[in-house]
Amino acid sequence: MNNINAVDVKQPAILSYLRDLPNMLSLSGLACTLLAIYFSITELWAAAMIGMVWAVAFDWADGLVARKLQGRTSTDAKFGGQLDVLIDIVSYGVTPAILLLSYGGFEPLFLIGAFIMIAAAAIRLSYFSTYGLAGGTKYRGLALDNNSLILVSVFLLEGLVSHGIFTVILYCSGVLLAILNVSEIATPKLSGNPRNVWLLATYTLGISAIYSWKLLN
């Protein structure tokens, strides 16, 4: 009993991990995800797209900062990794599924596509948590952050084609991405490359500018 109490005393307070900058960046991404969900439900699509792309930007940022930050313990890294995974399922599984459901008017047919997307994300994250990178350099299956990056580009077609046609495009895009998430294809880890970080920054600002313009017009 004394040993158990000694271990308990040494455990840091739960909220002490808020002092860790990578965790704050992760939570900032979660805030963007919440906004994306809210604006999807309220059908303010342009604002939802901005939230989705910035969620990816913060997701990449927390990993970059964590790798460069000095003094982080293995426990800090483990906690941050768990937090990141939990946020990823919301950002890249739940959010796109809600986007699809909302655009489809919450018709029962869209529950099938939404479930496929969430289930694929959950399976993908569980597999990655178990096995990590294949060969230490590549993902098996399409990494989930690509889902949001692709969907915000696909959504640029919204308004350029009829609502019915775009609904089919969005549905098929979401399901296809889910299939790729759990496929056996090998994809490179993009977030660790400085050039890709600059590309994501440019993409994020560009997408934000386009959808901000849509909001104002």
N, C-alpha and C. Protein backbone atom coordinates (compact mmCIF):
# COMPACT_ATOMS: atom_id res chain seq x y z
N MET A 1 0.84 -1.21 0.00
CA MET A 1 0.00 0.00 0.00
C MET A 1 0.87 1.25 0.00
N ASN A 2 1.93 1.25 0.81
CA ASN A 2 2.82 2.40 0.87
C ASN A 2 3.50 2.66 -0.46
N ASN A 3 3.88 1.55 -1.15
CA ASN A 3 4.52 1.70 -2.45
C ASN A 3 3.58 2.31 -3.46
N ILE A 4 2.31 1.88 -3.41
CA ILE A 4 1.31 2.43 -4.34
C ILE A 4 1.11 3.91 -4.09
N ASN A 5 1.03 4.30 -2.80
CA ASN A 5 0.85 5.71 -2.47
C ASN A 5 2.05 6.53 -2.91
N ALA A 6 3.25 5.96 -2.80
CA ALA A 6 4.46 6.68 -3.20
C ALA A 6 4.45 6.94 -4.70
N VAL A 7 3.98 5.94 -5.46
CA VAL A 7 3.90 6.11 -6.91
C VAL A 7 2.89 7.18 -7.26
N ASP A 8 1.72 7.15 -6.53
CA ASP A 8 0.68 8.13 -6.81
C ASP A 8 1.15 9.55 -6.55
N VAL A 9 1.93 9.73 -5.46
CA VAL A 9 2.41 11.06 -5.11
C VAL A 9 3.32 11.62 -6.19
N LYS A 10 4.10 10.76 -6.84
CA LYS A 10 5.05 11.20 -7.84
C LYS A 10 4.41 11.57 -9.17
N GLN A 11 3.17 11.13 -9.35
CA GLN A 11 2.51 11.44 -10.61
C GLN A 11 2.19 12.93 -10.69
N PRO A 12 2.49 13.56 -11.82
CA PRO A 12 2.19 14.98 -11.96
C PRO A 12 0.69 15.23 -12.06
N ALA A 13 0.28 16.43 -11.77
CA ALA A 13 -1.13 16.80 -11.92
C ALA A 13 -1.52 16.72 -13.39
N ILE A 14 -2.76 16.36 -13.65
CA ILE A 14 -3.23 16.21 -15.03
C ILE A 14 -3.01 17.50 -15.82
N LEU A 15 -3.42 18.61 -15.23
CA LEU A 15 -3.34 19.88 -15.96
C LEU A 15 -1.92 20.42 -16.06
N SER A 16 -0.96 19.77 -15.40
CA SER A 16 0.42 20.22 -15.52
C SER A 16 0.93 20.07 -16.95
N TYR A 17 0.31 19.19 -17.71
CA TYR A 17 0.73 18.97 -19.09
C TYR A 17 0.31 20.12 -20.01
N LEU A 18 -0.50 21.03 -19.49
CA LEU A 18 -0.84 22.22 -20.28
C LEU A 18 0.35 23.16 -20.41
N ARG A 19 1.34 22.97 -19.55
CA ARG A 19 2.53 23.82 -19.64
C ARG A 19 3.44 23.38 -20.78
N ASP A 20 3.16 22.24 -21.36
CA ASP A 20 3.97 21.71 -22.45
C ASP A 20 3.50 22.33 -23.77
N LEU A 21 4.37 23.08 -24.44
CA LEU A 21 3.98 23.81 -25.65
C LEU A 21 3.40 22.91 -26.74
N PRO A 22 3.99 21.74 -27.02
CA PRO A 22 3.39 20.88 -28.04
C PRO A 22 1.94 20.49 -27.72
N ASN A 23 1.64 20.27 -26.45
CA ASN A 23 0.27 19.94 -26.07
C ASN A 23 -0.67 21.12 -26.28
N MET A 24 -0.17 22.33 -26.04
CA MET A 24 -1.00 23.52 -26.29
C MET A 24 -1.28 23.68 -27.78
N LEU A 25 -0.29 23.34 -28.60
CA LEU A 25 -0.51 23.40 -30.04
C LEU A 25 -1.52 22.34 -30.47
N SER A 26 -1.43 21.15 -29.86
CA SER A 26 -2.40 20.09 -30.16
C SER A 26 -3.82 20.55 -29.81
N LEU A 27 -3.96 21.19 -28.66
CA LEU A 27 -5.28 21.66 -28.24
C LEU A 27 -5.77 22.82 -29.10
N SER A 28 -4.84 23.62 -29.62
CA SER A 28 -5.23 24.68 -30.55
C SER A 28 -5.81 24.06 -31.83
N GLY A 29 -5.19 22.95 -32.26
CA GLY A 29 -5.74 22.23 -33.41
C GLY A 29 -7.11 21.68 -33.11
N LEU A 30 -7.31 21.20 -31.87
CA LEU A 30 -8.63 20.69 -31.48
C LEU A 30 -9.67 21.81 -31.50
N ALA A 31 -9.27 23.02 -31.10
CA ALA A 31 -10.18 24.17 -31.14
C ALA A 31 -10.59 24.46 -32.59
N CYS A 32 -9.63 24.37 -33.51
CA CYS A 32 -9.94 24.58 -34.92
C CYS A 32 -10.89 23.50 -35.42
N THR A 33 -10.69 22.28 -34.94
CA THR A 33 -11.56 21.17 -35.31
C THR A 33 -12.98 21.40 -34.81
N LEU A 34 -13.11 21.88 -33.58
CA LEU A 34 -14.43 22.17 -33.03
C LEU A 34 -15.14 23.23 -33.86
N LEU A 35 -14.40 24.25 -34.28
CA LEU A 35 -14.99 25.29 -35.13
C LEU A 35 -15.43 24.69 -36.47
N ALA A 36 -14.61 23.79 -37.02
CA ALA A 36 -14.96 23.15 -38.29
C ALA A 36 -16.26 22.35 -38.15
N ILE A 37 -16.40 21.65 -37.03
CA ILE A 37 -17.63 20.88 -36.78
C ILE A 37 -18.83 21.82 -36.65
N TYR A 38 -18.64 22.87 -35.87
CA TYR A 38 -19.73 23.84 -35.65
C TYR A 38 -20.18 24.46 -36.97
N PHE A 39 -19.22 24.91 -37.76
CA PHE A 39 -19.57 25.57 -39.02
C PHE A 39 -20.10 24.58 -40.06
N SER A 40 -19.72 23.32 -39.95
CA SER A 40 -20.30 22.30 -40.84
C SER A 40 -21.78 22.11 -40.51
N ILE A 41 -22.09 22.04 -39.23
CA ILE A 41 -23.48 21.84 -38.81
C ILE A 41 -24.33 23.05 -39.17
N THR A 42 -23.76 24.25 -39.05
CA THR A 42 -24.50 25.47 -39.37
C THR A 42 -24.41 25.82 -40.86
N GLU A 43 -23.75 24.96 -41.62
CA GLU A 43 -23.65 25.07 -43.09
C GLU A 43 -22.90 26.32 -43.55
N LEU A 44 -21.98 26.78 -42.74
CA LEU A 44 -21.09 27.85 -43.17
C LEU A 44 -19.81 27.16 -43.67
N TRP A 45 -19.91 26.65 -44.90
CA TRP A 45 -18.90 25.72 -45.42
C TRP A 45 -17.51 26.33 -45.50
N ALA A 46 -17.41 27.57 -45.94
CA ALA A 46 -16.10 28.20 -46.11
C ALA A 46 -15.37 28.29 -44.77
N ALA A 47 -16.09 28.65 -43.71
CA ALA A 47 -15.47 28.73 -42.38
C ALA A 47 -15.06 27.34 -41.89
N ALA A 48 -15.86 26.33 -42.23
CA ALA A 48 -15.53 24.96 -41.84
C ALA A 48 -14.23 24.52 -42.49
N MET A 49 -14.04 24.89 -43.76
CA MET A 49 -12.82 24.51 -44.47
C MET A 49 -11.58 25.17 -43.86
N ILE A 50 -11.73 26.42 -43.44
CA ILE A 50 -10.61 27.12 -42.79
C ILE A 50 -10.25 26.41 -41.49
N GLY A 51 -11.26 26.03 -40.72
CA GLY A 51 -10.99 25.30 -39.49
C GLY A 51 -10.29 23.99 -39.73
N MET A 52 -10.70 23.28 -40.77
CA MET A 52 -10.10 21.97 -41.07
C MET A 52 -8.64 22.08 -41.47
N VAL A 53 -8.31 23.06 -42.30
CA VAL A 53 -6.93 23.16 -42.77
C VAL A 53 -6.00 23.67 -41.66
N TRP A 54 -6.51 24.53 -40.78
CA TRP A 54 -5.67 25.01 -39.67
C TRP A 54 -5.49 23.92 -38.61
N ALA A 55 -6.43 23.01 -38.51
CA ALA A 55 -6.26 21.88 -37.60
C ALA A 55 -5.05 21.04 -38.02
N VAL A 56 -4.89 20.87 -39.33
CA VAL A 56 -3.73 20.13 -39.84
C VAL A 56 -2.44 20.91 -39.55
N ALA A 57 -2.48 22.22 -39.76
CA ALA A 57 -1.29 23.04 -39.52
C ALA A 57 -0.82 22.93 -38.07
N PHE A 58 -1.75 22.99 -37.12
CA PHE A 58 -1.38 22.86 -35.71
C PHE A 58 -0.91 21.44 -35.39
N ASP A 59 -1.50 20.46 -36.07
CA ASP A 59 -1.08 19.07 -35.86
C ASP A 59 0.37 18.88 -36.27
N TRP A 60 0.74 19.44 -37.41
CA TRP A 60 2.14 19.37 -37.84
C TRP A 60 3.04 20.16 -36.90
N ALA A 61 2.55 21.33 -36.45
CA ALA A 61 3.37 22.20 -35.60
C ALA A 61 3.71 21.54 -34.27
N ASP A 62 2.76 20.80 -33.69
CA ASP A 62 3.06 20.21 -32.38
C ASP A 62 4.18 19.18 -32.48
N GLY A 63 4.20 18.42 -33.59
CA GLY A 63 5.28 17.45 -33.77
C GLY A 63 6.63 18.11 -33.99
N LEU A 64 6.64 19.17 -34.78
CA LEU A 64 7.90 19.88 -35.05
C LEU A 64 8.48 20.48 -33.77
N VAL A 65 7.61 21.11 -32.98
CA VAL A 65 8.07 21.74 -31.73
C VAL A 65 8.53 20.67 -30.74
N ALA A 66 7.80 19.55 -30.67
CA ALA A 66 8.15 18.49 -29.73
C ALA A 66 9.54 17.92 -30.03
N ARG A 67 9.87 17.80 -31.32
CA ARG A 67 11.17 17.24 -31.68
C ARG A 67 12.32 18.20 -31.38
N LYS A 68 12.04 19.49 -31.37
CA LYS A 68 13.09 20.48 -31.16
C LYS A 68 13.19 20.96 -29.72
N LEU A 69 12.14 20.73 -28.94
CA LEU A 69 12.09 21.25 -27.58
C LEU A 69 13.02 20.44 -26.67
N GLN A 70 13.80 21.14 -25.89
CA GLN A 70 14.75 20.50 -24.98
C GLN A 70 14.08 20.23 -23.63
N GLY A 71 14.52 19.17 -22.99
CA GLY A 71 14.07 18.90 -21.62
C GLY A 71 12.79 18.11 -21.49
N ARG A 72 12.21 17.65 -22.59
CA ARG A 72 10.99 16.84 -22.50
C ARG A 72 11.37 15.41 -22.11
N THR A 73 10.64 14.85 -21.16
CA THR A 73 10.91 13.49 -20.71
C THR A 73 10.17 12.48 -21.59
N SER A 74 10.48 11.20 -21.39
CA SER A 74 9.78 10.16 -22.14
C SER A 74 8.30 10.13 -21.79
N THR A 75 7.98 10.48 -20.54
CA THR A 75 6.58 10.55 -20.12
C THR A 75 5.86 11.70 -20.82
N ASP A 76 6.55 12.83 -20.96
CA ASP A 76 5.98 13.96 -21.70
C ASP A 76 5.67 13.55 -23.13
N ALA A 77 6.60 12.85 -23.75
CA ALA A 77 6.43 12.42 -25.13
C ALA A 77 5.27 11.43 -25.25
N LYS A 78 5.18 10.51 -24.28
CA LYS A 78 4.10 9.51 -24.31
C LYS A 78 2.74 10.18 -24.15
N PHE A 79 2.64 11.12 -23.21
CA PHE A 79 1.39 11.84 -23.00
C PHE A 79 1.01 12.61 -24.26
N GLY A 80 1.99 13.32 -24.83
CA GLY A 80 1.72 14.09 -26.04
C GLY A 80 1.29 13.21 -27.20
N GLY A 81 1.89 12.03 -27.30
CA GLY A 81 1.51 11.10 -28.36
C GLY A 81 0.08 10.62 -28.21
N GLN A 82 -0.31 10.31 -26.96
CA GLN A 82 -1.68 9.86 -26.71
C GLN A 82 -2.68 10.98 -27.00
N LEU A 83 -2.34 12.19 -26.57
CA LEU A 83 -3.22 13.34 -26.82
C LEU A 83 -3.38 13.56 -28.32
N ASP A 84 -2.29 13.44 -29.05
CA ASP A 84 -2.31 13.65 -30.49
C ASP A 84 -3.21 12.64 -31.19
N VAL A 85 -3.13 11.39 -30.78
CA VAL A 85 -3.95 10.34 -31.39
C VAL A 85 -5.44 10.59 -31.13
N LEU A 86 -5.77 10.96 -29.90
CA LEU A 86 -7.17 11.21 -29.56
C LEU A 86 -7.73 12.39 -30.35
N ILE A 87 -6.92 13.42 -30.53
CA ILE A 87 -7.36 14.58 -31.30
C ILE A 87 -7.48 14.22 -32.78
N ASP A 88 -6.58 13.38 -33.27
CA ASP A 88 -6.61 12.98 -34.68
C ASP A 88 -7.92 12.30 -35.05
N ILE A 89 -8.44 11.44 -34.17
CA ILE A 89 -9.68 10.74 -34.49
C ILE A 89 -10.83 11.73 -34.65
N VAL A 90 -10.78 12.82 -33.87
CA VAL A 90 -11.82 13.85 -33.99
C VAL A 90 -11.60 14.69 -35.25
N SER A 91 -10.34 15.11 -35.45
CA SER A 91 -10.03 16.01 -36.57
C SER A 91 -10.21 15.35 -37.93
N TYR A 92 -9.75 14.11 -38.05
CA TYR A 92 -9.68 13.48 -39.36
C TYR A 92 -10.68 12.35 -39.57
N GLY A 93 -11.42 12.00 -38.51
CA GLY A 93 -12.46 10.99 -38.64
C GLY A 93 -13.83 11.58 -38.42
N VAL A 94 -14.05 12.14 -37.24
CA VAL A 94 -15.36 12.67 -36.89
C VAL A 94 -15.73 13.90 -37.72
N THR A 95 -14.78 14.84 -37.85
CA THR A 95 -15.09 16.09 -38.55
C THR A 95 -15.49 15.88 -40.01
N PRO A 96 -14.70 15.14 -40.82
CA PRO A 96 -15.13 14.89 -42.20
C PRO A 96 -16.47 14.16 -42.27
N ALA A 97 -16.72 13.25 -41.30
CA ALA A 97 -17.98 12.52 -41.29
C ALA A 97 -19.15 13.47 -41.03
N ILE A 98 -18.98 14.40 -40.09
CA ILE A 98 -20.03 15.38 -39.81
C ILE A 98 -20.23 16.30 -41.00
N LEU A 99 -19.14 16.66 -41.66
CA LEU A 99 -19.24 17.48 -42.88
C LEU A 99 -20.10 16.78 -43.91
N LEU A 100 -19.85 15.49 -44.13
CA LEU A 100 -20.63 14.72 -45.10
C LEU A 100 -22.09 14.64 -44.68
N LEU A 101 -22.33 14.33 -43.40
CA LEU A 101 -23.71 14.22 -42.91
C LEU A 101 -24.46 15.55 -43.07
N SER A 102 -23.80 16.63 -42.70
CA SER A 102 -24.45 17.94 -42.78
C SER A 102 -24.75 18.32 -44.22
N TYR A 103 -23.78 18.10 -45.11
CA TYR A 103 -24.02 18.46 -46.50
C TYR A 103 -25.12 17.60 -47.11
N GLY A 104 -25.26 16.39 -46.61
CA GLY A 104 -26.31 15.50 -47.10
C GLY A 104 -27.63 15.68 -46.38
N GLY A 105 -27.74 16.75 -45.59
CA GLY A 105 -28.99 17.03 -44.90
C GLY A 105 -29.31 16.02 -43.81
N PHE A 106 -28.29 15.32 -43.31
CA PHE A 106 -28.45 14.31 -42.27
C PHE A 106 -29.43 13.21 -42.67
N GLU A 107 -29.47 12.93 -43.97
CA GLU A 107 -30.27 11.81 -44.46
C GLU A 107 -29.63 10.48 -44.04
N PRO A 108 -30.44 9.46 -43.72
CA PRO A 108 -29.90 8.17 -43.25
C PRO A 108 -28.87 7.55 -44.18
N LEU A 109 -28.99 7.75 -45.48
CA LEU A 109 -28.05 7.17 -46.43
C LEU A 109 -26.62 7.62 -46.14
N PHE A 110 -26.47 8.84 -45.63
CA PHE A 110 -25.14 9.40 -45.39
C PHE A 110 -24.50 8.84 -44.12
N LEU A 111 -25.30 8.17 -43.30
CA LEU A 111 -24.74 7.52 -42.12
C LEU A 111 -23.75 6.42 -42.51
N ILE A 112 -24.02 5.77 -43.64
CA ILE A 112 -23.14 4.68 -44.09
C ILE A 112 -21.76 5.24 -44.41
N GLY A 113 -21.72 6.28 -45.24
CA GLY A 113 -20.44 6.89 -45.60
C GLY A 113 -19.74 7.46 -44.39
N ALA A 114 -20.50 8.10 -43.49
CA ALA A 114 -19.91 8.69 -42.29
C ALA A 114 -19.30 7.61 -41.40
N PHE A 115 -20.00 6.48 -41.25
CA PHE A 115 -19.46 5.40 -40.44
C PHE A 115 -18.19 4.83 -41.05
N ILE A 116 -18.18 4.65 -42.36
CA ILE A 116 -16.99 4.13 -43.03
C ILE A 116 -15.79 5.04 -42.77
N MET A 117 -16.00 6.34 -42.83
CA MET A 117 -14.93 7.30 -42.63
C MET A 117 -14.39 7.27 -41.20
N ILE A 118 -15.31 7.23 -40.22
CA ILE A 118 -14.88 7.21 -38.82
C ILE A 118 -14.22 5.88 -38.48
N ALA A 119 -14.81 4.79 -38.96
CA ALA A 119 -14.25 3.46 -38.67
C ALA A 119 -12.86 3.31 -39.26
N ALA A 120 -12.67 3.79 -40.49
CA ALA A 120 -11.36 3.71 -41.14
C ALA A 120 -10.33 4.52 -40.35
N ALA A 121 -10.73 5.69 -39.87
CA ALA A 121 -9.82 6.53 -39.09
C ALA A 121 -9.43 5.83 -37.79
N ALA A 122 -10.40 5.21 -37.12
CA ALA A 122 -10.12 4.53 -35.86
C ALA A 122 -9.18 3.34 -36.08
N ILE A 123 -9.45 2.56 -37.13
CA ILE A 123 -8.60 1.41 -37.45
C ILE A 123 -7.20 1.86 -37.82
N ARG A 124 -7.13 2.91 -38.64
CA ARG A 124 -5.85 3.44 -39.10
C ARG A 124 -4.99 3.91 -37.93
N LEU A 125 -5.59 4.64 -37.00
CA LEU A 125 -4.84 5.15 -35.85
C LEU A 125 -4.43 4.02 -34.91
N SER A 126 -5.30 3.03 -34.73
CA SER A 126 -4.96 1.90 -33.88
C SER A 126 -3.79 1.11 -34.47
N TYR A 127 -3.81 0.94 -35.78
CA TYR A 127 -2.73 0.21 -36.45
C TYR A 127 -1.41 0.97 -36.32
N PHE A 128 -1.46 2.28 -36.53
CA PHE A 128 -0.25 3.09 -36.43
C PHE A 128 0.29 3.09 -35.00
N SER A 129 -0.61 3.18 -34.01
CA SER A 129 -0.18 3.17 -32.62
C SER A 129 0.49 1.85 -32.25
N THR A 130 0.09 0.78 -32.94
CA THR A 130 0.65 -0.54 -32.66
C THR A 130 1.99 -0.75 -33.36
N TYR A 131 2.06 -0.38 -34.64
CA TYR A 131 3.23 -0.73 -35.46
C TYR A 131 4.11 0.46 -35.85
N GLY A 132 3.59 1.68 -35.76
CA GLY A 132 4.39 2.85 -36.12
C GLY A 132 4.64 2.91 -37.62
N LEU A 133 5.72 3.59 -37.99
CA LEU A 133 6.07 3.75 -39.39
C LEU A 133 6.66 2.47 -39.95
N ALA A 134 6.30 2.13 -41.17
CA ALA A 134 6.86 0.96 -41.83
C ALA A 134 8.30 1.25 -42.22
N GLY A 135 9.23 0.49 -41.67
CA GLY A 135 10.64 0.73 -41.96
C GLY A 135 11.17 2.00 -41.36
N GLY A 136 10.37 2.64 -40.50
CA GLY A 136 10.79 3.87 -39.85
C GLY A 136 10.67 5.13 -40.68
N THR A 137 10.22 4.98 -41.94
CA THR A 137 10.17 6.16 -42.83
C THR A 137 8.84 6.36 -43.53
N LYS A 138 8.05 5.30 -43.66
CA LYS A 138 6.81 5.40 -44.44
C LYS A 138 5.62 4.89 -43.65
N TYR A 139 4.44 5.47 -43.99
CA TYR A 139 3.19 5.00 -43.42
C TYR A 139 2.67 3.84 -44.26
N ARG A 140 1.97 2.92 -43.62
CA ARG A 140 1.19 1.94 -44.37
C ARG A 140 -0.23 2.46 -44.40
N GLY A 141 -0.72 2.73 -45.59
CA GLY A 141 -2.01 3.39 -45.72
C GLY A 141 -1.84 4.90 -45.75
N LEU A 142 -2.81 5.58 -46.32
CA LEU A 142 -2.75 7.04 -46.42
C LEU A 142 -2.90 7.67 -45.04
N ALA A 143 -1.95 8.52 -44.65
CA ALA A 143 -2.02 9.20 -43.36
C ALA A 143 -3.27 10.06 -43.28
N LEU A 144 -3.88 10.11 -42.10
CA LEU A 144 -5.19 10.74 -41.96
C LEU A 144 -5.20 12.23 -42.21
N ASP A 145 -4.09 12.92 -41.95
CA ASP A 145 -4.11 14.37 -42.17
C ASP A 145 -4.36 14.72 -43.63
N ASN A 146 -4.00 13.79 -44.54
CA ASN A 146 -4.26 14.01 -45.95
C ASN A 146 -5.75 14.12 -46.25
N ASN A 147 -6.58 13.47 -45.43
CA ASN A 147 -8.02 13.53 -45.65
C ASN A 147 -8.52 14.98 -45.66
N SER A 148 -8.12 15.73 -44.64
CA SER A 148 -8.57 17.12 -44.54
C SER A 148 -7.96 17.98 -45.65
N LEU A 149 -6.67 17.77 -45.92
CA LEU A 149 -6.01 18.56 -46.96
C LEU A 149 -6.66 18.35 -48.32
N ILE A 150 -7.07 17.13 -48.60
CA ILE A 150 -7.71 16.82 -49.88
C ILE A 150 -9.15 17.31 -49.91
N LEU A 151 -9.88 17.11 -48.83
CA LEU A 151 -11.29 17.49 -48.81
C LEU A 151 -11.49 18.99 -48.93
N VAL A 152 -10.60 19.79 -48.34
CA VAL A 152 -10.77 21.25 -48.47
C VAL A 152 -10.54 21.70 -49.91
N SER A 153 -9.73 20.94 -50.66
CA SER A 153 -9.55 21.24 -52.08
C SER A 153 -10.75 20.77 -52.89
N VAL A 154 -11.25 19.58 -52.56
CA VAL A 154 -12.44 19.07 -53.24
C VAL A 154 -13.60 20.03 -53.06
N PHE A 155 -13.68 20.65 -51.88
CA PHE A 155 -14.81 21.52 -51.58
C PHE A 155 -14.79 22.82 -52.39
N LEU A 156 -13.69 23.08 -53.06
CA LEU A 156 -13.65 24.25 -53.94
C LEU A 156 -14.63 24.09 -55.10
N LEU A 157 -15.03 22.85 -55.38
CA LEU A 157 -16.00 22.59 -56.45
C LEU A 157 -17.42 22.95 -56.03
N GLU A 158 -17.63 23.08 -54.72
CA GLU A 158 -18.96 23.39 -54.22
C GLU A 158 -19.40 24.75 -54.76
N GLY A 159 -20.56 24.78 -55.39
CA GLY A 159 -21.05 26.01 -56.00
C GLY A 159 -20.73 26.10 -57.48
N LEU A 160 -19.72 25.33 -57.91
CA LEU A 160 -19.37 25.31 -59.34
C LEU A 160 -20.17 24.25 -60.09
N VAL A 161 -20.64 23.25 -59.35
CA VAL A 161 -21.52 22.22 -59.92
C VAL A 161 -22.79 22.20 -59.09
N SER A 162 -23.79 21.48 -59.56
CA SER A 162 -25.05 21.44 -58.83
C SER A 162 -24.89 20.77 -57.47
N HIS A 163 -25.81 21.07 -56.59
CA HIS A 163 -25.75 20.51 -55.23
C HIS A 163 -25.76 18.98 -55.28
N GLY A 164 -26.61 18.42 -56.14
CA GLY A 164 -26.72 16.97 -56.24
C GLY A 164 -25.43 16.32 -56.70
N ILE A 165 -24.82 16.90 -57.72
CA ILE A 165 -23.57 16.34 -58.24
C ILE A 165 -22.46 16.46 -57.21
N PHE A 166 -22.39 17.62 -56.54
CA PHE A 166 -21.32 17.78 -55.56
C PHE A 166 -21.52 16.86 -54.36
N THR A 167 -22.77 16.60 -54.02
CA THR A 167 -23.03 15.66 -52.93
C THR A 167 -22.43 14.29 -53.24
N VAL A 168 -22.60 13.85 -54.48
CA VAL A 168 -22.03 12.57 -54.90
C VAL A 168 -20.50 12.63 -54.86
N ILE A 169 -19.94 13.75 -55.34
CA ILE A 169 -18.48 13.91 -55.34
C ILE A 169 -17.94 13.85 -53.91
N LEU A 170 -18.59 14.55 -53.01
CA LEU A 170 -18.13 14.59 -51.61
C LEU A 170 -18.25 13.22 -50.97
N TYR A 171 -19.35 12.54 -51.21
CA TYR A 171 -19.57 11.21 -50.64
C TYR A 171 -18.50 10.24 -51.14
N CYS A 172 -18.30 10.22 -52.45
CA CYS A 172 -17.31 9.31 -53.04
C CYS A 172 -15.90 9.64 -52.58
N SER A 173 -15.60 10.94 -52.45
CA SER A 173 -14.27 11.36 -52.00
C SER A 173 -14.00 10.88 -50.58
N GLY A 174 -14.99 11.05 -49.71
CA GLY A 174 -14.83 10.63 -48.32
C GLY A 174 -14.62 9.13 -48.19
N VAL A 175 -15.42 8.36 -48.92
CA VAL A 175 -15.31 6.90 -48.85
C VAL A 175 -13.99 6.44 -49.47
N LEU A 176 -13.59 7.04 -50.59
CA LEU A 176 -12.33 6.67 -51.23
C LEU A 176 -11.14 6.95 -50.32
N LEU A 177 -11.16 8.09 -49.65
CA LEU A 177 -10.08 8.40 -48.71
C LEU A 177 -10.04 7.39 -47.57
N ALA A 178 -11.22 6.98 -47.10
CA ALA A 178 -11.28 5.98 -46.04
C ALA A 178 -10.65 4.66 -46.49
N ILE A 179 -10.94 4.27 -47.72
CA ILE A 179 -10.36 3.04 -48.27
C ILE A 179 -8.84 3.16 -48.34
N LEU A 180 -8.36 4.31 -48.79
CA LEU A 180 -6.91 4.52 -48.87
C LEU A 180 -6.27 4.54 -47.49
N ASN A 181 -7.00 5.04 -46.49
CA ASN A 181 -6.46 5.08 -45.12
C ASN A 181 -6.11 3.69 -44.61
N VAL A 182 -6.91 2.69 -44.98
CA VAL A 182 -6.69 1.33 -44.46
C VAL A 182 -6.11 0.40 -45.52
N SER A 183 -5.64 0.98 -46.63
CA SER A 183 -5.05 0.17 -47.68
C SER A 183 -3.62 -0.20 -47.33
N GLU A 184 -3.00 -0.99 -48.19
CA GLU A 184 -1.62 -1.42 -47.97
C GLU A 184 -0.60 -0.54 -48.70
N ILE A 185 -1.06 0.57 -49.26
CA ILE A 185 -0.12 1.43 -49.98
C ILE A 185 0.86 2.06 -49.00
N ALA A 186 2.08 2.28 -49.46
CA ALA A 186 3.10 2.94 -48.63
C ALA A 186 3.16 4.41 -49.02
N THR A 187 3.04 5.28 -48.03
CA THR A 187 3.11 6.72 -48.28
C THR A 187 4.19 7.33 -47.38
N PRO A 188 4.94 8.30 -47.89
CA PRO A 188 6.02 8.89 -47.09
C PRO A 188 5.49 9.75 -45.96
N LYS A 189 6.29 9.88 -44.92
CA LYS A 189 5.97 10.79 -43.82
C LYS A 189 6.33 12.20 -44.27
N LEU A 190 5.33 13.03 -44.47
CA LEU A 190 5.55 14.37 -45.04
C LEU A 190 5.93 15.40 -43.99
N SER A 191 5.43 15.24 -42.75
CA SER A 191 5.56 16.31 -41.76
C SER A 191 6.98 16.53 -41.27
N GLY A 192 7.88 15.58 -41.47
CA GLY A 192 9.23 15.76 -40.97
C GLY A 192 10.18 16.47 -41.92
N ASN A 193 9.71 16.76 -43.12
CA ASN A 193 10.55 17.40 -44.14
C ASN A 193 10.34 18.91 -44.12
N PRO A 194 11.41 19.72 -43.90
CA PRO A 194 11.26 21.18 -43.85
C PRO A 194 10.58 21.76 -45.10
N ARG A 195 10.90 21.20 -46.26
CA ARG A 195 10.28 21.70 -47.50
C ARG A 195 8.77 21.50 -47.45
N ASN A 196 8.33 20.35 -46.94
CA ASN A 196 6.90 20.07 -46.85
C ASN A 196 6.20 20.98 -45.85
N VAL A 197 6.94 21.37 -44.82
CA VAL A 197 6.37 22.31 -43.84
C VAL A 197 6.07 23.64 -44.50
N TRP A 198 7.00 24.11 -45.32
CA TRP A 198 6.77 25.36 -46.06
C TRP A 198 5.63 25.21 -47.04
N LEU A 199 5.53 24.04 -47.68
CA LEU A 199 4.43 23.79 -48.62
C LEU A 199 3.09 23.81 -47.89
N LEU A 200 3.06 23.18 -46.70
CA LEU A 200 1.81 23.18 -45.93
C LEU A 200 1.45 24.60 -45.49
N ALA A 201 2.45 25.37 -45.07
CA ALA A 201 2.19 26.75 -44.65
C ALA A 201 1.60 27.56 -45.81
N THR A 202 2.19 27.39 -46.99
CA THR A 202 1.69 28.10 -48.17
C THR A 202 0.28 27.65 -48.51
N TYR A 203 0.06 26.34 -48.46
CA TYR A 203 -1.26 25.78 -48.76
C TYR A 203 -2.30 26.28 -47.76
N THR A 204 -1.94 26.27 -46.48
CA THR A 204 -2.87 26.71 -45.43
C THR A 204 -3.27 28.17 -45.62
N LEU A 205 -2.28 29.02 -45.88
CA LEU A 205 -2.57 30.44 -46.09
C LEU A 205 -3.37 30.66 -47.36
N GLY A 206 -3.03 29.90 -48.42
CA GLY A 206 -3.75 30.04 -49.68
C GLY A 206 -5.19 29.61 -49.55
N ILE A 207 -5.42 28.44 -48.95
CA ILE A 207 -6.79 27.95 -48.76
C ILE A 207 -7.58 28.90 -47.86
N SER A 208 -6.93 29.40 -46.81
CA SER A 208 -7.60 30.33 -45.90
C SER A 208 -8.00 31.61 -46.63
N ALA A 209 -7.12 32.09 -47.52
CA ALA A 209 -7.43 33.31 -48.28
C ALA A 209 -8.61 33.08 -49.22
N ILE A 210 -8.61 31.94 -49.89
CA ILE A 210 -9.70 31.64 -50.84
C ILE A 210 -11.05 31.56 -50.11
N TYR A 211 -11.07 30.81 -49.01
CA TYR A 211 -12.34 30.64 -48.31
C TYR A 211 -12.74 31.90 -47.53
N SER A 212 -11.78 32.70 -47.13
CA SER A 212 -12.10 33.99 -46.51
C SER A 212 -12.77 34.90 -47.52
N TRP A 213 -12.26 34.85 -48.75
CA TRP A 213 -12.87 35.64 -49.84
C TRP A 213 -14.30 35.16 -50.07
N LYS A 214 -14.52 33.84 -50.03
CA LYS A 214 -15.87 33.31 -50.21
C LYS A 214 -16.80 33.78 -49.09
N LEU A 215 -16.25 33.86 -47.87
CA LEU A 215 -17.08 34.32 -46.75
C LEU A 215 -17.52 35.77 -46.92
N LEU A 216 -16.66 36.57 -47.54
CA LEU A 216 -16.95 37.99 -47.67
C LEU A 216 -17.78 38.32 -48.90
N ASN A 217 -18.03 37.32 -49.74
CA ASN A 217 -18.78 37.56 -50.98
C ASN A 217 -20.02 36.69 -51.05
